[in-house]
Amino acid sequence: METLFKHQIDFISYLQRLLQEGDFSSTYKFAFLHAIADICIEKNIQNSERLTIPFDEIVDKLILLYWQHAKPFSTNTTAKVDGGILLQNAGKQSKIISDITFLQLDGIKNLSQAKNSSLWKSIYKNTLNTLKKGPLWRLQVLSKQEDCFLFPHTKGQNFIELNEGVAGCFRQFHDLVVRFTRQGWIEKISKIQDNQTVVGRSGELNDFLFGTNRSSIVQAVGVLQEIQQGECFYCNKPIKGAPEVDHFIPFAKYGNDLGHNFVLTHKSCNNSKRDYLAALPHRDNWINQNLVTHEATIKNELSSYFSCDPERTSYVADWAYQIAKKNGSRLWLSKDTFI
């Protein structure tokens, strides 16, 4: 226990040093760190295990993280940034943003569609080259020296292997890592001179860069209405008026849209649950509905719009409930009722 506690303290200290002493000349290293954190909670691993992460998974995650960033933040015609798309580094636009913008202009709306596009091979290659030339080797350079606390710098591999216990720390402190990473990412974008004519309050920028796309998740309404027979997932009463799509594992805890993570609710139930984790009876019902009984239906109907990986969704849910139990968090049951 003392060894685990010390390693966690060392992890937090290293994270602080990384963000303070690292050279973040662009936003790639923020994205890389965020990607590692997300991938760690999508796996079924023990805290002390080493975790091997293929470059393929990192590339997918980087493109997903930058997807929203490639959209115009402003239509201000006096802005210095091209098309209102925020720069990710001083000078010309980053390659990954240019590539994603090209995909979006071709009518591709999400990563699932991108991977089925004829453009995917070249964009994958470009992103992999960016990873290898930049953040892969530069993330762990602190005050001009290599300090490989997270993973060893080993040339000639198509993966990284996190050092013993590191994946467990990313799982335990995922919220903290993501919060610090996004804060640094936003500060970097805000300080780029050409962005300053369009960037408003930091809250607006956070919502734009890292918020859920409400217009996108409405794609799930039809299939969920059919599955739930027009009833609210949480209170089991008929939905009268406009339904709302809720992230069962709250978006605030895991900021990705997974097709099997959606449920249909009353507006009042959704507003009451907010960013809380639902109580175990709701979890059991969700597993039965989305990951067992209607797993194939959801995948068939929503895979064109969202990642539909029931195993990954299950692992994220396991992680969320493990952390809640460890922290003694109360779980939401119904309006004003927690257990």
Protein backbone atom coordinates (compact mmCIF):
# COMPACT_ATOMS: atom_id res chain seq x y z
CA MET A 1 0.00 0.00 0.00
CA GLU A 2 2.83 2.39 0.87
CA THR A 3 4.52 1.61 -2.46
CA LEU A 4 1.29 2.33 -4.36
CA PHE A 5 0.75 5.58 -2.46
CA LYS A 6 4.32 6.73 -3.13
CA HIS A 7 3.97 5.92 -6.84
CA GLN A 8 0.76 7.96 -7.02
CA ILE A 9 2.50 10.91 -5.34
CA ASP A 10 5.39 10.56 -7.79
CA PHE A 11 2.89 10.51 -10.68
CA ILE A 12 1.20 13.73 -9.56
CA SER A 13 4.58 15.40 -9.01
CA TYR A 14 5.72 14.33 -12.47
CA LEU A 15 2.52 15.61 -14.04
CA GLN A 16 3.06 19.00 -12.39
CA ARG A 17 6.65 19.10 -13.63
CA LEU A 18 5.62 18.03 -17.12
CA LEU A 19 3.12 20.88 -17.43
CA GLN A 20 5.47 23.43 -15.86
CA GLU A 21 8.84 22.44 -17.30
CA GLY A 22 7.85 20.90 -20.62
CA ASP A 23 8.22 22.89 -23.83
CA PHE A 24 4.71 23.17 -25.26
CA SER A 25 5.38 25.09 -28.47
CA SER A 26 2.20 23.63 -29.98
CA THR A 27 -0.80 21.73 -28.61
CA TYR A 28 0.28 18.26 -29.77
CA LYS A 29 1.74 17.26 -26.39
CA PHE A 30 -1.47 18.21 -24.60
CA ALA A 31 -3.41 16.04 -27.04
CA PHE A 32 -0.98 13.14 -26.65
CA LEU A 33 -1.21 13.23 -22.84
CA HIS A 34 -5.02 13.45 -23.01
CA ALA A 35 -5.07 10.50 -25.44
CA ILE A 36 -3.00 8.30 -23.13
CA ALA A 37 -5.29 9.12 -20.18
CA ASP A 38 -8.42 8.22 -22.15
CA ILE A 39 -6.98 5.00 -23.52
CA CYS A 40 -6.02 3.85 -20.01
CA ILE A 41 -9.63 3.91 -18.81
CA GLU A 42 -10.81 2.08 -21.92
CA LYS A 43 -8.86 -1.02 -20.96
CA ASN A 44 -9.48 -3.87 -18.55
CA ILE A 45 -6.25 -3.73 -16.56
CA GLN A 46 -4.95 -3.92 -13.00
CA ASN A 47 -3.36 -0.87 -11.42
CA SER A 48 0.16 -2.31 -11.35
CA GLU A 49 0.18 -3.64 -14.92
CA ARG A 50 2.27 -2.30 -17.74
CA LEU A 51 0.06 -1.23 -20.63
CA THR A 52 1.02 -1.51 -24.29
CA ILE A 53 -0.67 1.10 -26.49
CA PRO A 54 -0.32 0.65 -30.28
CA PHE A 55 0.29 3.76 -32.34
CA ASP A 56 -2.95 2.97 -34.23
CA GLU A 57 -4.98 3.66 -31.08
CA ILE A 58 -3.10 6.86 -30.35
CA VAL A 59 -3.61 8.16 -33.90
CA ASP A 60 -7.36 7.47 -33.71
CA LYS A 61 -7.58 9.26 -30.38
CA LEU A 62 -5.59 12.29 -31.59
CA ILE A 63 -7.86 12.74 -34.60
CA LEU A 64 -10.92 12.37 -32.37
CA LEU A 65 -9.61 14.96 -29.89
CA TYR A 66 -8.87 17.48 -32.65
CA TRP A 67 -12.10 16.87 -34.57
CA GLN A 68 -14.07 19.71 -32.99
CA HIS A 69 -11.04 22.01 -33.06
CA ALA A 70 -11.06 21.90 -36.86
CA LYS A 71 -14.43 23.65 -37.00
CA PRO A 72 -14.78 27.46 -37.17
CA PHE A 73 -14.88 29.05 -33.73
CA SER A 74 -15.93 32.40 -35.18
CA THR A 75 -17.38 33.86 -38.35
CA ASN A 76 -15.67 37.19 -37.62
CA THR A 77 -14.56 38.46 -41.02
CA THR A 78 -11.81 40.61 -39.46
CA ALA A 79 -10.23 37.63 -37.73
CA LYS A 80 -6.67 36.75 -38.69
CA VAL A 81 -7.25 33.01 -38.45
CA ASP A 82 -8.26 31.32 -41.68
CA GLY A 83 -11.98 30.54 -41.78
CA GLY A 84 -12.35 31.25 -38.07
CA ILE A 85 -10.49 28.00 -37.25
CA LEU A 86 -8.23 28.49 -34.25
CA LEU A 87 -4.50 27.99 -34.68
CA GLN A 88 -2.86 25.27 -32.59
CA ASN A 89 0.61 26.82 -32.80
CA ALA A 90 2.14 30.15 -33.79
CA GLY A 91 2.59 30.41 -37.55
CA LYS A 92 0.76 28.22 -40.02
CA GLN A 93 -2.06 25.89 -39.06
CA SER A 94 -1.10 22.45 -37.71
CA LYS A 95 -1.22 19.59 -40.20
CA ILE A 96 -3.77 17.56 -38.26
CA ILE A 97 -6.25 20.46 -38.24
CA SER A 98 -5.78 21.06 -41.97
CA ASP A 99 -6.37 17.36 -42.68
CA ILE A 100 -9.51 17.16 -40.52
CA THR A 101 -10.87 20.35 -42.06
CA PHE A 102 -10.41 18.76 -45.49
CA LEU A 103 -12.40 15.73 -44.32
CA GLN A 104 -15.17 17.90 -42.94
CA LEU A 105 -15.39 19.95 -46.14
CA ASP A 106 -15.85 16.64 -47.98
CA GLY A 107 -19.00 16.05 -45.92
CA ILE A 108 -17.48 13.64 -43.41
CA LYS A 109 -19.07 14.28 -40.02
CA ASN A 110 -17.23 12.04 -37.57
CA LEU A 111 -14.34 9.65 -37.04
CA SER A 112 -16.42 6.58 -37.96
CA GLN A 113 -17.13 8.02 -41.41
CA ALA A 114 -13.54 9.23 -41.76
CA LYS A 115 -12.15 5.73 -41.28
CA ASN A 116 -14.34 4.48 -44.14
CA SER A 117 -13.24 7.31 -46.42
CA SER A 118 -10.72 7.06 -49.24
CA LEU A 119 -8.91 9.96 -47.55
CA TRP A 120 -8.27 8.06 -44.33
CA LYS A 121 -5.04 6.33 -45.37
CA SER A 122 -3.18 9.56 -46.11
CA ILE A 123 -4.55 11.38 -43.04
CA TYR A 124 -3.65 8.44 -40.81
CA LYS A 125 -0.11 8.47 -42.23
CA ASN A 126 0.23 12.23 -41.72
CA THR A 127 -0.96 12.01 -38.11
CA LEU A 128 1.34 9.08 -37.37
CA ASN A 129 4.30 11.06 -38.77
CA THR A 130 3.33 14.03 -36.60
CA LEU A 131 3.19 11.77 -33.53
CA LYS A 132 6.61 10.27 -34.26
CA LYS A 133 8.33 13.57 -35.04
CA GLY A 134 6.89 15.52 -32.13
CA PRO A 135 5.06 14.54 -28.95
CA LEU A 136 6.18 10.90 -28.85
CA TRP A 137 9.75 11.94 -28.03
CA ARG A 138 9.23 15.48 -26.73
CA LEU A 139 6.48 14.97 -24.14
CA GLN A 140 8.93 13.69 -21.52
CA VAL A 141 11.63 16.28 -22.10
CA LEU A 142 11.61 18.43 -18.97
CA SER A 143 13.92 21.41 -18.63
CA LYS A 144 15.79 20.20 -21.74
CA GLN A 145 16.39 16.70 -20.31
CA GLU A 146 14.66 13.37 -20.93
CA ASP A 147 12.80 12.06 -17.90
CA CYS A 148 10.93 8.94 -19.03
CA PHE A 149 8.61 8.39 -16.07
CA LEU A 150 5.60 7.47 -18.24
CA PHE A 151 7.18 5.20 -20.86
CA PRO A 152 10.67 4.46 -22.16
CA HIS A 153 11.89 6.09 -25.34
CA THR A 154 12.44 3.00 -27.49
CA LYS A 155 13.03 3.50 -31.20
CA GLY A 156 11.75 1.18 -33.92
CA GLN A 157 8.48 0.12 -32.24
CA ASN A 158 4.89 0.69 -33.34
CA PHE A 159 3.67 1.09 -29.77
CA ILE A 160 4.50 2.60 -26.40
CA GLU A 161 4.58 0.56 -23.20
CA LEU A 162 3.66 2.49 -20.08
CA ASN A 163 5.92 1.80 -17.13
CA GLU A 164 4.66 -0.32 -14.26
CA GLY A 165 1.88 1.38 -12.34
CA VAL A 166 1.55 4.34 -14.72
CA ALA A 167 -1.68 3.13 -16.34
CA GLY A 168 -3.17 2.65 -12.87
CA CYS A 169 -2.29 6.25 -12.00
CA PHE A 170 -3.89 7.51 -15.20
CA ARG A 171 -7.03 5.59 -14.24
CA GLN A 172 -7.04 6.86 -10.67
CA PHE A 173 -6.35 10.48 -11.62
CA HIS A 174 -8.00 10.63 -15.04
CA ASP A 175 -10.18 13.59 -14.10
CA LEU A 176 -7.18 15.53 -12.81
CA VAL A 177 -5.02 14.75 -15.86
CA VAL A 178 -7.77 15.76 -18.28
CA ARG A 179 -8.55 18.93 -16.34
CA PHE A 180 -4.91 20.06 -16.23
CA THR A 181 -4.33 19.08 -19.85
CA ARG A 182 -7.37 20.95 -21.15
CA GLN A 183 -6.53 24.01 -19.09
CA GLY A 184 -3.02 24.10 -20.56
CA TRP A 185 -4.39 23.45 -24.07
CA ILE A 186 -6.86 26.33 -23.78
CA GLU A 187 -4.19 28.68 -22.40
CA LYS A 188 -1.89 27.78 -25.30
CA ILE A 189 -4.56 28.48 -27.92
CA SER A 190 -5.58 31.73 -26.16
CA LYS A 191 -2.01 33.06 -26.14
CA ILE A 192 -1.45 32.64 -29.88
CA GLN A 193 -1.62 36.19 -31.18
CA ASP A 194 -3.64 35.49 -34.31
CA ASN A 195 -6.30 33.71 -32.22
CA GLN A 196 -6.86 36.65 -29.91
CA THR A 197 -9.23 38.47 -32.25
CA VAL A 198 -11.74 35.62 -32.02
CA VAL A 199 -11.18 34.02 -28.60
CA GLY A 200 -13.64 35.13 -25.95
CA ARG A 201 -13.99 33.97 -22.38
CA SER A 202 -12.16 30.78 -21.42
CA GLY A 203 -15.49 29.10 -20.58
CA GLU A 204 -16.71 29.64 -24.13
CA LEU A 205 -13.51 28.18 -25.52
CA ASN A 206 -13.70 25.15 -23.22
CA ASP A 207 -17.29 24.41 -24.25
CA PHE A 208 -16.40 24.74 -27.93
CA LEU A 209 -13.23 22.65 -27.88
CA PHE A 210 -14.27 19.95 -25.43
CA GLY A 211 -18.07 20.03 -25.09
CA THR A 212 -20.44 17.45 -26.50
CA ASN A 213 -22.01 18.11 -29.89
CA ARG A 214 -25.72 18.24 -29.01
CA SER A 215 -26.74 18.41 -32.67
CA SER A 216 -24.88 15.15 -33.28
CA ILE A 217 -26.31 13.05 -30.45
CA VAL A 218 -29.87 13.62 -31.63
CA GLN A 219 -29.04 10.90 -34.16
CA ALA A 220 -29.58 8.46 -31.29
CA VAL A 221 -33.16 9.55 -30.55
CA GLY A 222 -34.92 7.32 -33.07
CA VAL A 223 -33.33 4.01 -32.13
CA LEU A 224 -33.61 4.74 -28.39
CA GLN A 225 -37.30 5.62 -28.71
CA GLU A 226 -37.87 2.26 -30.34
CA ILE A 227 -35.78 0.35 -27.78
CA GLN A 228 -37.33 2.09 -24.77
CA GLN A 229 -40.83 2.15 -26.30
CA GLY A 230 -41.17 5.88 -25.71
CA GLU A 231 -40.42 5.66 -21.99
CA CYS A 232 -37.82 7.52 -19.95
CA PHE A 233 -34.89 5.28 -19.09
CA TYR A 234 -34.71 6.46 -15.49
CA CYS A 235 -38.31 6.79 -14.31
CA ASN A 236 -39.95 4.41 -16.83
CA LYS A 237 -42.77 6.88 -17.50
CA PRO A 238 -43.90 7.90 -21.00
CA ILE A 239 -41.93 10.80 -22.47
CA LYS A 240 -44.29 13.62 -23.35
CA GLY A 241 -42.70 16.44 -25.28
CA ALA A 242 -39.15 16.51 -26.58
CA PRO A 243 -36.93 13.69 -25.24
CA GLU A 244 -33.30 14.21 -24.32
CA VAL A 245 -30.32 11.97 -24.96
CA ASP A 246 -28.23 11.39 -21.83
CA HIS A 247 -24.70 10.04 -21.57
CA PHE A 248 -25.23 7.24 -19.06
CA ILE A 249 -21.57 7.48 -18.01
CA PRO A 250 -21.51 11.27 -17.73
CA PHE A 251 -19.71 13.20 -20.45
CA ALA A 252 -17.97 15.15 -17.68
CA LYS A 253 -16.29 11.91 -16.56
CA TYR A 254 -15.50 10.54 -20.02
CA GLY A 255 -15.64 13.11 -22.79
CA ASN A 256 -16.34 10.88 -25.78
CA ASP A 257 -19.58 9.96 -27.52
CA LEU A 258 -20.00 6.18 -27.52
CA GLY A 259 -23.13 4.82 -29.19
CA HIS A 260 -23.83 2.29 -26.44
CA ASN A 261 -23.56 4.96 -23.72
CA PHE A 262 -26.75 6.83 -24.72
CA VAL A 263 -30.15 6.56 -23.07
CA LEU A 264 -33.34 8.53 -23.71
CA THR A 265 -34.81 10.54 -20.84
CA HIS A 266 -37.24 13.18 -19.70
CA LYS A 267 -35.69 16.64 -19.60
CA SER A 268 -36.40 16.77 -15.86
CA CYS A 269 -34.69 13.43 -15.19
CA ASN A 270 -31.69 14.42 -17.28
CA ASN A 271 -31.39 17.77 -15.49
CA SER A 272 -31.61 16.05 -12.12
CA LYS A 273 -28.97 13.43 -12.93
CA ARG A 274 -26.61 15.97 -14.54
CA ASP A 275 -22.98 14.82 -14.14
CA TYR A 276 -23.68 12.27 -11.42
CA LEU A 277 -23.09 8.57 -11.83
CA ALA A 278 -26.38 6.63 -11.78
CA ALA A 279 -27.20 4.16 -9.01
CA LEU A 280 -26.53 0.46 -9.44
CA PRO A 281 -30.13 -0.51 -10.40
CA HIS A 282 -29.86 1.95 -13.31
CA ARG A 283 -26.44 0.56 -14.21
CA ASP A 284 -27.80 -2.98 -14.32
CA ASN A 285 -30.72 -1.88 -16.51
CA TRP A 286 -28.36 -0.02 -18.82
CA ILE A 287 -26.11 -3.04 -19.21
CA ASN A 288 -29.09 -5.25 -20.00
CA GLN A 289 -30.59 -2.77 -22.45
CA ASN A 290 -27.55 -1.41 -24.32
CA LEU A 291 -24.80 -3.99 -23.90
CA VAL A 292 -26.84 -7.21 -24.00
CA THR A 293 -30.37 -7.14 -25.42
CA HIS A 294 -29.98 -4.32 -27.95
CA GLU A 295 -26.21 -4.29 -28.42
CA ALA A 296 -26.41 -5.26 -32.11
CA THR A 297 -29.30 -2.90 -32.88
CA ILE A 298 -27.44 0.09 -31.46
CA LYS A 299 -24.29 -0.84 -33.36
CA ASN A 300 -26.17 -1.24 -36.64
CA GLU A 301 -28.09 2.03 -36.27
CA LEU A 302 -25.43 4.32 -34.81
CA SER A 303 -22.03 3.11 -36.04
CA SER A 304 -22.15 5.63 -38.91
CA TYR A 305 -22.27 8.46 -36.39
CA PHE A 306 -20.44 7.26 -33.27
CA SER A 307 -17.92 4.74 -32.07
CA CYS A 308 -19.96 1.65 -31.19
CA ASP A 309 -17.70 -0.65 -29.22
CA PRO A 310 -19.62 -2.41 -26.43
CA GLU A 311 -16.48 -3.89 -24.87
CA ARG A 312 -14.80 -0.50 -24.64
CA THR A 313 -18.01 1.02 -23.28
CA SER A 314 -18.19 -1.70 -20.63
CA TYR A 315 -14.60 -1.10 -19.55
CA VAL A 316 -15.21 2.66 -19.22
CA ALA A 317 -18.28 1.95 -17.07
CA ASP A 318 -16.32 -0.50 -14.90
CA TRP A 319 -13.63 2.16 -14.39
CA ALA A 320 -16.18 4.86 -13.49
CA TYR A 321 -17.91 2.71 -10.87
CA GLN A 322 -14.60 1.44 -9.46
CA ILE A 323 -13.41 5.02 -8.91
CA ALA A 324 -16.78 6.01 -7.42
CA LYS A 325 -16.63 3.11 -4.96
CA LYS A 326 -13.03 3.85 -4.05
CA ASN A 327 -13.84 7.52 -3.43
CA GLY A 328 -17.06 6.80 -1.52
CA SER A 329 -19.16 8.75 -4.03
CA ARG A 330 -22.94 8.73 -3.69
CA LEU A 331 -24.89 7.57 -6.74
CA TRP A 332 -27.95 9.26 -8.25
CA LEU A 333 -31.19 7.30 -8.05
CA SER A 334 -33.93 9.84 -8.80
CA LYS A 335 -34.73 13.51 -8.24
CA ASP A 336 -33.03 14.64 -5.00
CA THR A 337 -32.34 10.99 -4.07
CA PHE A 338 -28.84 9.53 -3.76
CA ILE A 339 -27.64 6.22 -2.37
